[in-house]
Protein backbone atom coordinates (compact mmCIF):
# COMPACT_ATOMS: atom_id res chain seq x y z
CA MET A 1 -87.70 229.67 54.47
CA PRO A 2 -86.58 232.98 53.39
CA ASP A 3 -88.67 235.64 51.48
CA THR A 4 -89.40 234.55 47.96
CA SER A 5 -90.70 237.61 46.19
CA ALA A 6 -89.96 238.35 42.76
CA THR A 7 -86.29 239.29 41.88
CA ALA A 8 -86.11 243.04 40.33
CA ALA A 9 -85.89 243.26 36.49
CA VAL A 10 -82.39 242.99 35.12
CA ARG A 11 -81.51 245.78 32.38
CA PRO A 12 -81.73 244.16 28.63
CA LEU A 13 -78.24 242.91 27.54
CA PRO A 14 -76.59 244.34 24.50
CA PRO A 15 -77.47 243.17 21.15
CA LEU A 16 -75.98 239.66 19.90
CA ALA A 17 -73.80 241.64 17.44
CA ALA A 18 -72.20 243.59 20.02
CA GLN A 19 -71.99 240.97 22.60
CA ALA A 20 -70.03 238.92 19.68
CA GLU A 21 -67.67 242.03 19.11
CA HIS A 22 -67.19 242.21 22.64
CA LEU A 23 -65.99 238.69 23.11
CA ILE A 24 -63.56 239.44 20.00
CA ARG A 25 -62.16 242.34 21.78
CA LEU A 26 -61.44 240.07 24.87
CA GLY A 27 -60.03 237.17 22.62
CA VAL A 28 -62.68 234.80 23.81
CA HIS A 29 -62.95 233.28 20.10
CA GLU A 30 -59.21 232.31 19.97
CA LEU A 31 -59.49 230.63 23.55
CA ALA A 32 -62.42 228.64 22.01
CA GLY A 33 -60.41 228.19 18.90
CA MET A 34 -62.86 229.28 16.45
CA PRO A 35 -62.36 232.38 13.48
CA ALA A 36 -64.04 235.59 14.87
CA ASN A 37 -66.09 235.22 11.89
CA GLU A 38 -67.77 232.39 13.07
CA LEU A 39 -68.48 234.24 16.10
CA ARG A 40 -69.98 237.16 14.23
CA GLY A 41 -72.09 234.57 11.79
CA PHE A 42 -73.79 232.88 14.92
CA ALA A 43 -74.71 236.36 16.07
CA VAL A 44 -76.27 237.81 13.22
CA ASP A 45 -78.35 234.37 12.34
CA ALA A 46 -79.26 234.04 15.89
CA GLY A 47 -80.15 237.70 16.27
CA ARG A 48 -82.87 237.76 13.64
CA GLY A 49 -85.12 236.08 16.39
CA ASP A 50 -83.71 236.39 19.59
CA GLY A 51 -84.26 239.94 21.30
CA ASP A 52 -82.84 239.67 25.05
CA ALA A 53 -80.65 236.76 25.19
CA LEU A 54 -77.18 236.10 26.17
CA LEU A 55 -74.49 234.76 23.82
CA ALA A 56 -72.38 231.81 25.51
CA VAL A 57 -69.34 229.90 24.47
CA HIS A 58 -69.84 226.08 25.34
CA PRO A 59 -67.72 225.34 28.38
CA ASP A 60 -65.74 222.66 26.59
CA ARG A 61 -64.49 225.21 24.37
CA ALA A 62 -63.59 228.30 26.71
CA PRO A 63 -63.60 227.03 30.35
CA ALA A 64 -63.93 228.99 33.17
CA SER A 65 -60.33 229.20 34.36
CA ALA A 66 -59.83 230.94 31.18
CA LEU A 67 -63.04 233.38 30.97
CA ALA A 68 -62.39 234.61 34.90
CA PRO A 69 -59.37 236.52 34.26
CA LEU A 70 -61.36 238.44 31.67
CA LEU A 71 -63.77 240.18 34.22
CA ARG A 72 -63.51 243.35 35.39
CA HIS A 73 -64.87 245.31 38.32
CA ASP A 74 -63.33 248.55 39.88
CA GLY A 75 -60.39 248.32 37.17
CA ARG A 76 -59.46 244.53 38.70
CA PRO A 77 -59.43 241.83 36.45
CA GLY A 78 -61.01 238.69 37.69
CA PHE A 79 -59.64 235.64 39.43
CA VAL A 80 -60.56 232.13 40.66
CA VAL A 81 -59.97 231.38 44.53
CA THR A 82 -56.83 229.48 45.13
CA ASP A 83 -58.40 226.51 46.48
CA MET A 84 -60.36 226.19 43.54
CA ALA A 85 -57.76 224.75 41.01
CA ASP A 86 -60.15 222.17 39.88
CA VAL A 87 -62.87 224.66 38.55
CA ASP A 88 -62.88 223.63 35.13
CA ARG A 89 -63.83 219.90 36.31
CA PHE A 90 -67.35 221.56 37.48
CA ALA A 91 -69.65 220.35 34.97
CA PRO A 92 -73.28 220.69 33.82
CA ASP A 93 -75.29 218.42 36.42
CA THR A 94 -79.07 219.50 36.00
CA VAL A 95 -78.72 221.28 32.71
CA GLU A 96 -78.87 219.89 29.00
CA LEU A 97 -76.57 222.21 26.66
CA PRO A 98 -76.91 222.43 22.96
CA ASP A 99 -74.19 220.07 20.94
CA ALA A 100 -72.58 223.22 19.44
CA PRO A 101 -69.84 225.58 20.28
CA LEU A 102 -71.89 228.67 20.58
CA TYR A 103 -75.62 228.84 22.15
CA LEU A 104 -78.31 231.27 23.68
CA VAL A 105 -79.29 231.73 27.00
CA THR A 106 -82.46 233.34 27.55
CA GLY A 107 -84.87 234.68 30.62
CA LEU A 108 -81.73 235.46 32.84
CA ASP A 109 -82.42 235.94 36.59
CA ARG A 110 -80.16 236.74 38.97
CA GLY A 111 -82.38 235.36 41.57
CA ASP A 112 -82.31 237.77 44.53
CA HIS A 113 -85.35 236.65 45.86
CA MET A 114 -83.58 233.40 46.97
CA ALA A 115 -80.57 235.29 48.95
CA ASN A 116 -80.20 233.45 52.18
CA TRP A 117 -81.04 230.19 50.65
CA SER A 118 -79.04 227.13 50.43
CA PRO A 119 -78.51 225.53 47.13
CA ASP A 120 -80.09 222.38 48.51
CA GLU A 121 -83.56 224.88 49.22
CA ALA A 122 -82.58 226.44 45.73
CA LEU A 123 -82.45 223.97 43.14
CA PRO A 124 -86.08 222.45 43.91
CA ALA A 125 -87.48 225.98 43.92
CA LEU A 126 -86.04 226.86 40.27
CA THR A 127 -87.08 223.53 39.07
CA LYS A 128 -90.86 223.99 39.98
CA GLU A 129 -90.68 227.49 38.41
CA GLY A 130 -89.35 225.73 35.23
CA ARG A 131 -86.09 227.42 35.68
CA THR A 132 -82.33 225.89 35.65
CA PRO A 133 -79.53 227.18 37.49
CA LEU A 134 -76.78 229.00 35.63
CA LEU A 135 -73.78 227.14 34.73
CA LEU A 136 -70.47 228.85 36.06
CA THR A 137 -69.40 229.68 32.58
CA GLU A 138 -72.67 231.11 31.75
CA GLY A 139 -72.47 233.58 34.72
CA ILE A 140 -69.09 234.72 33.71
CA HIS A 141 -70.39 235.41 30.07
CA TRP A 142 -73.22 237.56 31.98
CA VAL A 143 -70.80 239.53 33.93
CA LEU A 144 -68.42 240.00 31.03
CA GLN A 145 -71.30 241.44 28.86
CA GLN A 146 -73.29 243.44 31.64
CA PRO A 147 -70.74 244.09 34.43
CA ALA A 148 -73.61 245.85 36.54
CA VAL A 149 -75.25 242.57 37.24
CA LEU A 150 -72.09 241.96 39.80
CA GLU A 151 -73.04 244.14 42.83
CA ARG A 152 -71.63 244.15 46.22
CA ASN A 153 -74.14 242.50 48.55
CA HIS A 154 -75.87 241.19 45.45
CA CYS A 155 -74.01 238.54 43.60
CA PHE A 156 -74.95 235.07 42.89
CA MET A 157 -74.57 231.47 42.80
CA THR A 158 -74.11 229.13 39.36
CA ILE A 159 -75.10 225.92 41.11
CA GLY A 160 -75.41 224.41 37.39
CA SER A 161 -72.26 223.32 37.16
CA ARG A 162 -70.93 220.34 39.81
CA LEU A 163 -68.09 218.23 40.37
CA ARG A 164 -68.95 214.69 40.48
CA LYS A 165 -66.18 212.81 42.54
CA ALA A 166 -64.93 209.50 41.44
CA ASN A 167 -66.98 207.51 43.92
CA GLY A 168 -70.03 209.14 42.17
CA THR A 169 -70.91 211.24 44.99
CA MET A 170 -71.06 214.94 44.67
CA ASP A 171 -68.65 217.42 46.01
CA ALA A 172 -70.13 219.66 48.41
CA ARG A 173 -68.56 222.85 46.91
CA THR A 174 -70.65 225.01 44.68
CA PRO A 175 -69.42 227.70 42.18
CA ALA A 176 -70.56 231.32 42.84
CA ILE A 177 -69.28 234.57 41.37
CA TRP A 178 -69.04 237.65 43.73
CA ILE A 179 -66.63 240.70 44.66
CA SER A 180 -63.47 240.12 46.73
CA ASN A 181 -63.15 241.89 50.17
CA GLY A 182 -59.19 241.53 49.62
CA THR A 183 -58.87 239.76 52.85
CA GLY A 184 -57.03 236.33 53.44
CA ARG A 185 -55.59 234.62 50.59
CA ASP A 186 -57.10 236.80 48.02
CA GLY A 187 -54.67 239.50 48.84
CA ARG A 188 -55.53 243.35 49.24
CA GLU A 189 -54.45 244.04 45.67
CA ARG A 190 -57.65 241.97 44.38
CA ARG A 191 -60.08 244.32 47.03
CA ASN A 192 -63.33 244.82 44.76
CA ALA A 193 -62.01 242.46 41.95
CA PRO A 194 -64.63 239.90 40.55
CA LYS A 195 -64.08 236.41 42.12
CA VAL A 196 -65.16 232.97 41.09
CA GLY A 197 -65.18 231.17 44.57
CA TRP A 198 -67.17 228.38 46.09
CA CYS A 199 -69.74 227.71 49.21
CA TRP A 200 -71.08 224.37 50.62
CA TRP A 201 -74.18 222.87 48.88
CA GLY A 202 -75.84 223.39 52.69
CA ASN A 203 -74.93 226.68 53.69
CA ARG A 204 -76.87 230.25 53.13
CA HIS A 205 -75.39 233.50 52.24
CA THR A 206 -77.16 236.72 52.68
CA TRP A 207 -75.76 238.42 49.86
CA LEU A 208 -75.82 235.48 47.07
CA GLY A 209 -79.03 234.83 45.06
CA PHE A 210 -79.06 231.60 42.45
CA ALA A 211 -78.68 232.72 38.91
CA SER A 212 -80.98 230.86 36.69
CA ALA A 213 -82.57 230.96 33.15
CA THR A 214 -85.84 229.60 31.19
CA SER A 215 -83.85 228.37 28.05
CA ARG A 216 -80.58 227.30 26.17
CA ARG A 217 -80.95 227.06 22.30
CA GLN A 218 -78.70 227.32 19.39
């Protein structure tokens, strides 16, 4: 089994009010079909009791396909790989979300200590630690608010989002966010761009950890 030493601490997130304003500048409130003041009001109310928390929009209101192009790295916009046209069908599996358009995610961890683990190995370990894996949309929100969390050779999977097939079995693909090398179908113009892609459930990657959280609440 790969090394299980603790992940390095992640720098604090911006205040919730600042996160809300950033999402508004990006037009996320419009994607979610809500007035800007609803986002601001939620941040103000939630900010009275929460410190280092991530403001997230429910994936039913702002799906991954709409959020990914808002990502930036090295001046390049984010994208979803061409063979993941069904990205928005990847839904919460082991994760329960608040029944609300906006919610908070706390206790974020990039999961560097699980680099070179497979999703099949990481999920039970996270459960044992009392943690749940991030959804793909939550991972995108994290990078939107804190771009430095996405580093070359230190990127992450978001295995809280899974795709269940019509026959009831799980699709073996698992979503992840990393930095493109500009090879293959990505295209040279996308080198260093934030990339939403996928990895196989049973495979290991030395440069991918497993992003997780301790709680989600309104």
